[in-house]
Every structure is written in structure tokens, then in C-alpha cells.
């Protein structure tokens, strides 16, 4: 018995001497009896608590019910994890499909390229899906004619 509550033997003796001086010899006996009774009651409460706890643990079918509950919790965690992964994959797929649809719509409303020899195909990669002004194309329109007597010059 090296120490009690972290108090070594020299400190305990010093505390008892100070208590004897402060309380006097009459009250030391009363305080000692009170401490003894309180200590016994605390030990009784502790023992009854431990006994009740052990009875409850023994009543759990040797811990099978607790193990079954823990297994069920683990299965629920795995299901939750798989549902979370499925939800994430679905939302990612929907987002990709939405982006693809948006790109198709943007490409369908872009004007065809005005370059000679390309025909009706839209300019490949002209905007890359961005909403910017198309690059100026070389003019393939005919040059204006000089008409004598025209007042719009």
C-alpha cells in the first residue's frame, strides 16, 4: 500500500496531525466514526451496483443478444455505404448526361460554318460549348456593283 488517493504515507500522517490539532480530541472520534460509516455505505452501494450489472450482463443470453445487435448494426452500416455509393454514381451519371445534352443543344443551335468547302457542318470546336461570339469568317458575299446614278454612295 504505497499511497491512498495519490497521497503517500508521510502526507497522510501530516494531514492527520493537522486534523487532530484543528478538531481536537473529542471531535476526531466522531469524524472517524462518520468516515467509517460513509466508507462502508459507499462500498455497499458499489458492490450492489456491480452485482446488478453482472446480473444484467448474465441475463443477455451470454452476450448473444448484444453480439446480434452489433452484427445488425454492421450490416446496416454496409447497406448505408452501398446506398451512398449507388446514389453518388447515379447523380454523377445524371450530371454527365445533362452536360452531354446541354452540349448537344448548344451545338445544334450554332450556325453552320461559312468557310468554303465545309458545307452544312458546324465549325468543329468553334466555341467548345462556351457562349462567346464566333470567330469572324471570311466574307463570301459578292462585291457591290457600281451603278451609275445611284444616290446611296
N, C-alpha and C. Protein backbone atom coordinates (compact mmCIF):
# COMPACT_ATOMS: atom_id res chain seq x y z
N UNK A 1 0.85 -1.17 0.00
CA UNK A 1 0.00 0.00 0.00
C UNK A 1 0.90 1.23 0.00
N UNK A 2 1.25 1.65 -1.21
CA UNK A 2 2.15 2.78 -1.34
C UNK A 2 1.45 4.11 -1.08
N UNK A 3 0.25 4.26 -1.63
CA UNK A 3 -0.45 5.53 -1.41
C UNK A 3 -1.96 5.32 -1.45
N UNK A 4 -2.68 6.27 -0.90
CA UNK A 4 -4.13 6.25 -0.89
C UNK A 4 -4.58 7.53 -1.57
N UNK A 5 -5.33 7.41 -2.66
CA UNK A 5 -5.79 8.56 -3.44
C UNK A 5 -4.62 9.44 -3.88
N UNK A 6 -3.49 8.86 -4.17
CA UNK A 6 -2.33 9.63 -4.60
C UNK A 6 -1.61 10.32 -3.46
N UNK A 7 -1.97 9.98 -2.23
CA UNK A 7 -1.33 10.59 -1.06
C UNK A 7 -0.45 9.52 -0.41
N UNK A 8 0.82 9.80 -0.27
CA UNK A 8 1.74 8.85 0.35
C UNK A 8 1.59 8.83 1.87
N UNK A 9 2.29 7.92 2.53
CA UNK A 9 2.18 7.77 3.98
C UNK A 9 2.63 9.03 4.73
N UNK A 10 3.74 9.69 4.36
CA UNK A 10 4.12 10.90 5.10
C UNK A 10 3.07 12.01 5.00
N UNK A 11 2.47 12.19 3.82
CA UNK A 11 1.45 13.22 3.67
C UNK A 11 0.22 12.88 4.50
N UNK A 12 -0.17 11.60 4.55
CA UNK A 12 -1.34 11.18 5.32
C UNK A 12 -1.12 11.44 6.81
N UNK A 13 0.07 11.12 7.32
CA UNK A 13 0.36 11.38 8.74
C UNK A 13 0.30 12.87 9.03
N UNK A 14 0.84 13.69 8.15
CA UNK A 14 0.80 15.14 8.33
C UNK A 14 -0.64 15.65 8.35
N UNK A 15 -1.49 15.13 7.45
CA UNK A 15 -2.90 15.54 7.41
C UNK A 15 -3.59 15.15 8.71
N UNK A 16 -3.34 13.95 9.22
CA UNK A 16 -3.96 13.50 10.46
C UNK A 16 -3.51 14.35 11.65
N UNK A 17 -2.28 14.73 11.68
CA UNK A 17 -1.78 15.58 12.78
C UNK A 17 -2.45 16.96 12.71
N UNK A 18 -2.53 17.53 11.51
CA UNK A 18 -3.18 18.85 11.37
C UNK A 18 -4.65 18.74 11.75
N UNK A 19 -5.33 17.64 11.34
CA UNK A 19 -6.74 17.45 11.67
C UNK A 19 -6.91 17.32 13.18
N UNK A 20 -5.98 16.61 13.86
CA UNK A 20 -6.06 16.47 15.32
C UNK A 20 -5.92 17.80 16.02
N UNK A 21 -5.04 18.65 15.51
CA UNK A 21 -4.84 19.96 16.13
C UNK A 21 -6.06 20.84 15.88
N UNK A 22 -6.61 20.83 14.70
CA UNK A 22 -7.72 21.71 14.36
C UNK A 22 -9.01 21.25 15.05
N UNK A 23 -9.32 19.94 15.01
CA UNK A 23 -10.60 19.46 15.53
C UNK A 23 -10.56 19.17 17.02
N UNK A 24 -9.49 18.83 17.52
CA UNK A 24 -9.42 18.48 18.94
C UNK A 24 -9.71 16.99 19.13
N UNK A 25 -9.37 16.46 20.31
CA UNK A 25 -9.50 15.02 20.53
C UNK A 25 -10.96 14.55 20.60
N UNK A 26 -11.90 15.41 20.99
CA UNK A 26 -13.29 14.97 21.11
C UNK A 26 -13.91 14.73 19.73
N UNK A 27 -13.69 15.64 18.82
CA UNK A 27 -14.32 15.54 17.50
C UNK A 27 -13.60 14.56 16.59
N UNK A 28 -12.38 14.21 16.85
CA UNK A 28 -11.66 13.26 15.99
C UNK A 28 -12.38 11.92 16.00
N UNK A 29 -12.83 11.45 17.15
CA UNK A 29 -13.55 10.17 17.25
C UNK A 29 -14.84 10.20 16.45
N UNK A 30 -15.60 11.32 16.58
CA UNK A 30 -16.86 11.44 15.84
C UNK A 30 -16.61 11.44 14.32
N UNK A 31 -15.61 12.19 13.91
CA UNK A 31 -15.29 12.28 12.47
C UNK A 31 -14.82 10.92 11.97
N UNK A 32 -14.03 10.19 12.76
CA UNK A 32 -13.54 8.87 12.35
C UNK A 32 -14.71 7.91 12.18
N UNK A 33 -15.69 7.93 13.14
CA UNK A 33 -16.87 7.06 13.00
C UNK A 33 -17.69 7.43 11.76
N UNK A 34 -17.87 8.74 11.54
CA UNK A 34 -18.62 9.19 10.37
C UNK A 34 -17.93 8.75 9.09
N UNK A 35 -16.61 8.90 9.01
CA UNK A 35 -15.86 8.47 7.83
C UNK A 35 -15.99 6.97 7.63
N UNK A 36 -15.94 6.19 8.71
CA UNK A 36 -16.08 4.74 8.61
C UNK A 36 -17.44 4.33 8.08
N UNK A 37 -18.52 4.95 8.63
CA UNK A 37 -19.88 4.63 8.17
C UNK A 37 -20.07 5.01 6.71
N UNK A 38 -19.59 6.21 6.33
CA UNK A 38 -19.72 6.68 4.95
C UNK A 38 -18.96 5.76 4.01
N UNK A 39 -17.76 5.37 4.41
CA UNK A 39 -16.96 4.46 3.59
C UNK A 39 -17.66 3.12 3.42
N UNK A 40 -18.27 2.59 4.49
CA UNK A 40 -18.99 1.32 4.41
C UNK A 40 -20.21 1.44 3.50
N UNK A 41 -20.94 2.55 3.58
CA UNK A 41 -22.10 2.75 2.71
C UNK A 41 -21.69 2.83 1.24
N UNK A 42 -20.59 3.54 0.99
CA UNK A 42 -20.11 3.64 -0.39
C UNK A 42 -19.70 2.28 -0.93
N UNK A 43 -19.04 1.47 -0.10
CA UNK A 43 -18.66 0.13 -0.54
C UNK A 43 -19.89 -0.73 -0.79
N UNK A 44 -20.92 -0.60 0.05
CA UNK A 44 -22.15 -1.36 -0.14
C UNK A 44 -22.84 -0.96 -1.45
N UNK A 45 -22.90 0.31 -1.71
CA UNK A 45 -23.50 0.79 -2.96
C UNK A 45 -22.71 0.28 -4.15
N UNK A 46 -21.40 0.33 -4.06
CA UNK A 46 -20.54 -0.14 -5.14
C UNK A 46 -20.75 -1.63 -5.40
N UNK A 47 -20.79 -2.42 -4.35
CA UNK A 47 -20.99 -3.87 -4.50
C UNK A 47 -22.36 -4.17 -5.11
N UNK A 48 -23.41 -3.48 -4.64
CA UNK A 48 -24.75 -3.73 -5.19
C UNK A 48 -24.82 -3.33 -6.66
N UNK A 49 -24.14 -2.25 -7.03
CA UNK A 49 -24.10 -1.83 -8.42
C UNK A 49 -23.40 -2.89 -9.28
N UNK A 50 -22.26 -3.37 -8.81
CA UNK A 50 -21.52 -4.39 -9.56
C UNK A 50 -22.34 -5.68 -9.68
N UNK A 51 -23.02 -6.05 -8.60
CA UNK A 51 -23.85 -7.25 -8.61
C UNK A 51 -24.98 -7.10 -9.63
N UNK A 52 -25.64 -5.95 -9.62
CA UNK A 52 -26.74 -5.71 -10.56
C UNK A 52 -26.23 -5.69 -12.00
N UNK A 53 -25.09 -5.08 -12.23
CA UNK A 53 -24.50 -5.03 -13.57
C UNK A 53 -24.17 -6.44 -14.06
N UNK A 54 -23.57 -7.26 -13.19
CA UNK A 54 -23.24 -8.63 -13.58
C UNK A 54 -24.50 -9.44 -13.86
N UNK A 55 -25.56 -9.23 -13.08
CA UNK A 55 -26.81 -9.94 -13.33
C UNK A 55 -27.41 -9.55 -14.68
N UNK A 56 -27.34 -8.26 -15.01
CA UNK A 56 -27.86 -7.81 -16.30
C UNK A 56 -27.06 -8.38 -17.46
N UNK A 57 -25.74 -8.40 -17.31
CA UNK A 57 -24.89 -8.94 -18.37
C UNK A 57 -25.10 -10.44 -18.52
N UNK A 58 -25.32 -11.15 -17.42
CA UNK A 58 -25.58 -12.59 -17.50
C UNK A 58 -26.95 -12.86 -18.11
N UNK A 59 -27.88 -11.94 -17.96
CA UNK A 59 -29.23 -12.10 -18.49
C UNK A 59 -29.32 -11.85 -19.99
N UNK A 60 -28.26 -11.47 -20.61
CA UNK A 60 -28.27 -11.20 -22.04
C UNK A 60 -27.97 -12.45 -22.88
N UNK A 61 -28.30 -13.62 -22.39
CA UNK A 61 -28.04 -14.87 -23.11
C UNK A 61 -26.55 -15.00 -23.43
N UNK A 62 -25.74 -14.80 -22.44
CA UNK A 62 -24.28 -14.90 -22.58
C UNK A 62 -23.73 -13.93 -23.62
N UNK A 63 -24.38 -12.81 -23.76
CA UNK A 63 -23.90 -11.78 -24.68
C UNK A 63 -24.31 -12.00 -26.12
N UNK A 64 -25.12 -13.03 -26.40
CA UNK A 64 -25.53 -13.30 -27.78
C UNK A 64 -26.40 -12.17 -28.33
N UNK A 65 -27.30 -11.68 -27.49
CA UNK A 65 -28.19 -10.61 -27.95
C UNK A 65 -27.37 -9.36 -28.30
N UNK A 66 -26.38 -9.09 -27.49
CA UNK A 66 -25.53 -7.93 -27.76
C UNK A 66 -24.74 -8.13 -29.05
N UNK A 67 -24.21 -9.33 -29.23
CA UNK A 67 -23.45 -9.62 -30.46
C UNK A 67 -24.37 -9.54 -31.68
N UNK A 68 -25.60 -10.06 -31.55
CA UNK A 68 -26.54 -9.99 -32.66
C UNK A 68 -26.87 -8.55 -33.01
N UNK A 69 -27.05 -7.73 -31.99
CA UNK A 69 -27.34 -6.31 -32.23
C UNK A 69 -26.15 -5.63 -32.92
N UNK A 70 -24.94 -5.95 -32.50
CA UNK A 70 -23.75 -5.37 -33.12
C UNK A 70 -23.62 -5.84 -34.57
N UNK A 71 -23.91 -7.11 -34.85
CA UNK A 71 -23.87 -7.61 -36.22
C UNK A 71 -24.89 -6.89 -37.10
N UNK A 72 -26.08 -6.66 -36.54
CA UNK A 72 -27.11 -5.97 -37.28
C UNK A 72 -26.70 -4.53 -37.59
N UNK A 73 -26.07 -3.89 -36.64
CA UNK A 73 -25.58 -2.52 -36.85
C UNK A 73 -24.52 -2.52 -37.96
N UNK A 74 -23.62 -3.52 -37.96
CA UNK A 74 -22.60 -3.60 -39.01
C UNK A 74 -23.24 -3.80 -40.39
N UNK A 75 -24.27 -4.66 -40.46
CA UNK A 75 -24.95 -4.88 -41.74
C UNK A 75 -25.63 -3.60 -42.22
N UNK A 76 -26.23 -2.85 -41.29
CA UNK A 76 -26.88 -1.59 -41.66
C UNK A 76 -25.86 -0.58 -42.16
N UNK A 77 -24.69 -0.57 -41.54
CA UNK A 77 -23.62 0.33 -42.00
C UNK A 77 -23.19 -0.02 -43.42
N UNK A 78 -23.05 -1.33 -43.71
CA UNK A 78 -22.65 -1.75 -45.04
C UNK A 78 -23.72 -1.38 -46.07
N UNK A 79 -24.99 -1.58 -45.73
CA UNK A 79 -26.07 -1.19 -46.63
C UNK A 79 -26.06 0.31 -46.89
N UNK A 80 -25.86 1.07 -45.83
CA UNK A 80 -25.80 2.53 -45.98
C UNK A 80 -24.64 2.93 -46.89
N UNK A 81 -23.50 2.29 -46.70
CA UNK A 81 -22.34 2.59 -47.53
C UNK A 81 -22.62 2.27 -49.00
N UNK A 82 -23.26 1.11 -49.27
CA UNK A 82 -23.55 0.75 -50.65
C UNK A 82 -24.61 1.69 -51.26
N UNK A 83 -25.61 2.08 -50.47
CA UNK A 83 -26.61 3.03 -50.97
C UNK A 83 -25.98 4.39 -51.27
N UNK A 84 -25.06 4.81 -50.42
CA UNK A 84 -24.38 6.08 -50.65
C UNK A 84 -23.58 6.03 -51.95
N UNK A 85 -22.88 4.90 -52.19
CA UNK A 85 -22.11 4.76 -53.43
C UNK A 85 -23.03 4.74 -54.65
N UNK A 86 -24.16 4.03 -54.54
CA UNK A 86 -25.12 3.97 -55.64
C UNK A 86 -25.69 5.35 -55.93
N UNK A 87 -26.05 6.08 -54.89
CA UNK A 87 -26.59 7.43 -55.06
C UNK A 87 -25.56 8.34 -55.72
N UNK A 88 -24.31 8.25 -55.29
CA UNK A 88 -23.26 9.07 -55.87
C UNK A 88 -23.06 8.74 -57.34
N UNK A 89 -23.05 7.44 -57.67
CA UNK A 89 -22.86 7.07 -59.07
C UNK A 89 -24.03 7.52 -59.93
N UNK A 90 -25.26 7.42 -59.41
CA UNK A 90 -26.43 7.85 -60.17
C UNK A 90 -26.38 9.36 -60.40
N UNK A 91 -26.05 10.11 -59.34
CA UNK A 91 -26.01 11.57 -59.51
C UNK A 91 -24.90 11.98 -60.47
N UNK A 92 -23.78 11.26 -60.45
CA UNK A 92 -22.69 11.56 -61.38
C UNK A 92 -23.12 11.26 -62.81
N UNK A 93 -23.82 10.15 -63.01
CA UNK A 93 -24.30 9.77 -64.34
C UNK A 93 -25.30 10.80 -64.85
N UNK A 94 -26.23 11.22 -64.00
CA UNK A 94 -27.23 12.21 -64.40
C UNK A 94 -26.54 13.53 -64.76
N UNK A 95 -25.55 13.92 -63.98
CA UNK A 95 -24.84 15.17 -64.28
C UNK A 95 -24.12 15.07 -65.62
N UNK A 96 -23.50 13.93 -65.90
CA UNK A 96 -22.81 13.76 -67.18
C UNK A 96 -23.79 13.77 -68.34
N UNK A 97 -24.94 13.09 -68.17
CA UNK A 97 -25.94 13.09 -69.22
C UNK A 97 -26.50 14.50 -69.46
N UNK A 98 -26.69 15.25 -68.38
CA UNK A 98 -27.16 16.63 -68.52
C UNK A 98 -26.15 17.50 -69.26
N UNK A 99 -24.89 17.32 -68.97
CA UNK A 99 -23.83 18.08 -69.65
C UNK A 99 -23.79 17.70 -71.12
N UNK A 100 -23.92 16.40 -71.42
CA UNK A 100 -23.93 15.95 -72.81
C UNK A 100 -25.12 16.55 -73.56
N UNK A 101 -26.29 16.55 -72.93
CA UNK A 101 -27.48 17.12 -73.56
C UNK A 101 -27.31 18.61 -73.80
N UNK A 102 -26.74 19.31 -72.83
CA UNK A 102 -26.51 20.75 -72.99
C UNK A 102 -25.53 21.01 -74.12
N UNK A 103 -24.48 20.22 -74.22
CA UNK A 103 -23.52 20.38 -75.32
C UNK A 103 -24.19 20.13 -76.66
N UNK A 104 -25.06 19.10 -76.73
CA UNK A 104 -25.76 18.81 -77.98
C UNK A 104 -26.67 19.96 -78.37
N UNK A 105 -27.37 20.54 -77.39
CA UNK A 105 -28.26 21.67 -77.68
C UNK A 105 -27.46 22.86 -78.16
N UNK A 106 -26.35 23.16 -77.51
CA UNK A 106 -25.53 24.29 -77.94
C UNK A 106 -24.97 24.07 -79.34
N UNK A 107 -24.57 22.84 -79.63
CA UNK A 107 -24.04 22.55 -80.96
C UNK A 107 -25.13 22.58 -82.02
N UNK A 108 -26.36 22.26 -81.66
CA UNK A 108 -27.43 22.25 -82.65
C UNK A 108 -27.90 23.65 -83.00
N UNK A 109 -27.70 24.62 -82.12
CA UNK A 109 -28.17 25.97 -82.43
C UNK A 109 -27.06 26.88 -82.95
N UNK A 110 -25.84 26.36 -83.07
CA UNK A 110 -24.76 27.16 -83.63
C UNK A 110 -24.94 27.24 -85.15
N UNK A 111 -24.62 28.37 -85.72
CA UNK A 111 -24.76 28.49 -87.17
C UNK A 111 -23.71 27.63 -87.87
N UNK A 112 -24.01 27.16 -89.06
CA UNK A 112 -23.01 26.36 -89.79
C UNK A 112 -21.82 27.22 -90.17
N UNK A 113 -20.74 26.58 -90.42
CA UNK A 113 -19.51 27.30 -90.77
C UNK A 113 -19.67 27.94 -92.14
N UNK A 114 -19.14 29.12 -92.30
CA UNK A 114 -19.23 29.83 -93.57
C UNK A 114 -17.99 29.63 -94.42
N UNK A 115 -17.10 28.77 -94.01
CA UNK A 115 -15.88 28.53 -94.78
C UNK A 115 -16.24 27.78 -96.06
N UNK A 116 -15.51 28.07 -97.09
CA UNK A 116 -15.77 27.41 -98.37
C UNK A 116 -15.37 25.95 -98.27
N UNK A 117 -16.22 25.10 -98.80
CA UNK A 117 -15.90 23.69 -98.87
C UNK A 117 -16.30 22.90 -97.64
N UNK A 118 -16.88 23.52 -96.62
CA UNK A 118 -17.26 22.75 -95.43
C UNK A 118 -18.70 22.32 -95.49
N UNK A 119 -19.52 22.93 -96.27
CA UNK A 119 -20.91 22.52 -96.42
C UNK A 119 -21.73 22.95 -95.23
N UNK A 120 -22.64 22.07 -94.80
CA UNK A 120 -23.58 22.39 -93.74
C UNK A 120 -23.09 21.99 -92.36
N UNK A 121 -21.89 21.49 -92.22
CA UNK A 121 -21.42 21.03 -90.91
C UNK A 121 -21.03 22.21 -90.05
N UNK A 122 -21.36 22.17 -88.78
CA UNK A 122 -20.96 23.27 -87.89
C UNK A 122 -19.46 23.27 -87.69
N UNK A 123 -18.93 24.41 -87.31
CA UNK A 123 -17.49 24.54 -87.09
C UNK A 123 -17.07 23.65 -85.95
N UNK A 124 -16.10 22.80 -86.20
CA UNK A 124 -15.66 21.86 -85.17
C UNK A 124 -14.87 22.60 -84.12
N UNK A 125 -15.37 22.56 -82.90
CA UNK A 125 -14.66 23.17 -81.77
C UNK A 125 -14.60 24.66 -81.83
N UNK A 126 -15.57 25.34 -82.49
CA UNK A 126 -15.50 26.78 -82.60
C UNK A 126 -15.62 27.43 -81.24
N UNK A 127 -16.56 26.98 -80.41
CA UNK A 127 -16.77 27.60 -79.11
C UNK A 127 -16.44 26.67 -77.96
N UNK A 128 -16.30 25.43 -78.24
CA UNK A 128 -16.12 24.42 -77.18
C UNK A 128 -17.24 24.52 -76.16
N UNK A 129 -18.45 24.77 -76.59
CA UNK A 129 -19.59 24.81 -75.69
C UNK A 129 -19.74 26.13 -74.96
N UNK A 130 -18.86 27.11 -75.18
CA UNK A 130 -18.94 28.38 -74.47
C UNK A 130 -19.87 29.32 -75.23
N UNK A 131 -20.41 30.31 -74.55
CA UNK A 131 -21.31 31.29 -75.15
C UNK A 131 -20.50 32.52 -75.54
N UNK A 132 -19.65 32.40 -76.55
CA UNK A 132 -18.84 33.53 -76.99
C UNK A 132 -19.18 33.82 -78.45
N UNK A 133 -18.79 34.97 -78.91
CA UNK A 133 -19.02 35.35 -80.30
C UNK A 133 -18.19 34.44 -81.19
N UNK A 134 -18.76 33.97 -82.31
CA UNK A 134 -17.98 33.14 -83.22
C UNK A 134 -16.87 33.97 -83.86
N UNK A 135 -15.83 33.29 -84.25
CA UNK A 135 -14.70 33.96 -84.89
C UNK A 135 -15.17 34.50 -86.24
N UNK A 136 -14.71 35.68 -86.64
CA UNK A 136 -15.14 36.26 -87.92
C UNK A 136 -14.69 35.36 -89.07
N UNK A 137 -15.61 35.14 -89.99
CA UNK A 137 -15.35 34.29 -91.15
C UNK A 137 -15.07 35.19 -92.37
N UNK A 138 -14.27 34.68 -93.27
CA UNK A 138 -14.03 35.48 -94.49
C UNK A 138 -15.33 35.61 -95.27
N UNK A 139 -15.54 36.75 -95.78
CA UNK A 139 -16.79 37.04 -96.47
C UNK A 139 -16.81 36.35 -97.84
N UNK A 140 -17.89 35.66 -98.11
CA UNK A 140 -18.05 35.02 -99.41
C UNK A 140 -19.17 35.69 -100.20
N UNK A 141 -19.61 36.84 -99.70
CA UNK A 141 -20.67 37.56 -100.39
C UNK A 141 -20.10 38.28 -101.63
N UNK A 142 -20.93 38.51 -102.62
CA UNK A 142 -20.42 39.21 -103.81
C UNK A 142 -20.13 40.68 -103.50
N UNK A 143 -19.21 41.24 -104.24
CA UNK A 143 -18.84 42.64 -104.06
C UNK A 143 -19.93 43.52 -104.64
N UNK A 144 -20.12 44.68 -103.98
CA UNK A 144 -21.16 45.57 -104.52
C UNK A 144 -20.80 46.09 -105.93
N UNK A 145 -21.80 46.30 -106.70
CA UNK A 145 -21.62 46.80 -108.06
C UNK A 145 -21.77 48.31 -108.09
N UNK A 146 -20.99 48.91 -108.93
CA UNK A 146 -21.15 50.33 -109.13
C UNK A 146 -22.24 50.57 -110.15
N UNK A 147 -23.28 51.24 -109.70
CA UNK A 147 -24.39 51.56 -110.58
C UNK A 147 -24.35 53.07 -110.83
N UNK A 148 -24.25 53.49 -112.11
CA UNK A 148 -24.22 54.93 -112.35
C UNK A 148 -25.58 55.56 -112.00
N UNK A 149 -25.54 56.69 -111.33
CA UNK A 149 -26.72 57.42 -110.97
C UNK A 149 -27.32 56.96 -109.65
N UNK A 150 -26.62 56.10 -108.90
CA UNK A 150 -27.13 55.62 -107.61
C UNK A 150 -26.83 56.66 -106.54
N UNK A 151 -27.79 57.03 -105.74
CA UNK A 151 -27.62 58.09 -104.74
C UNK A 151 -27.14 57.58 -103.39
N UNK A 152 -26.91 56.29 -103.20
CA UNK A 152 -26.53 55.73 -101.89
C UNK A 152 -25.03 55.70 -101.67
N UNK A 153 -24.25 56.30 -102.44
CA UNK A 153 -22.81 56.27 -102.27
C UNK A 153 -22.36 57.13 -101.17
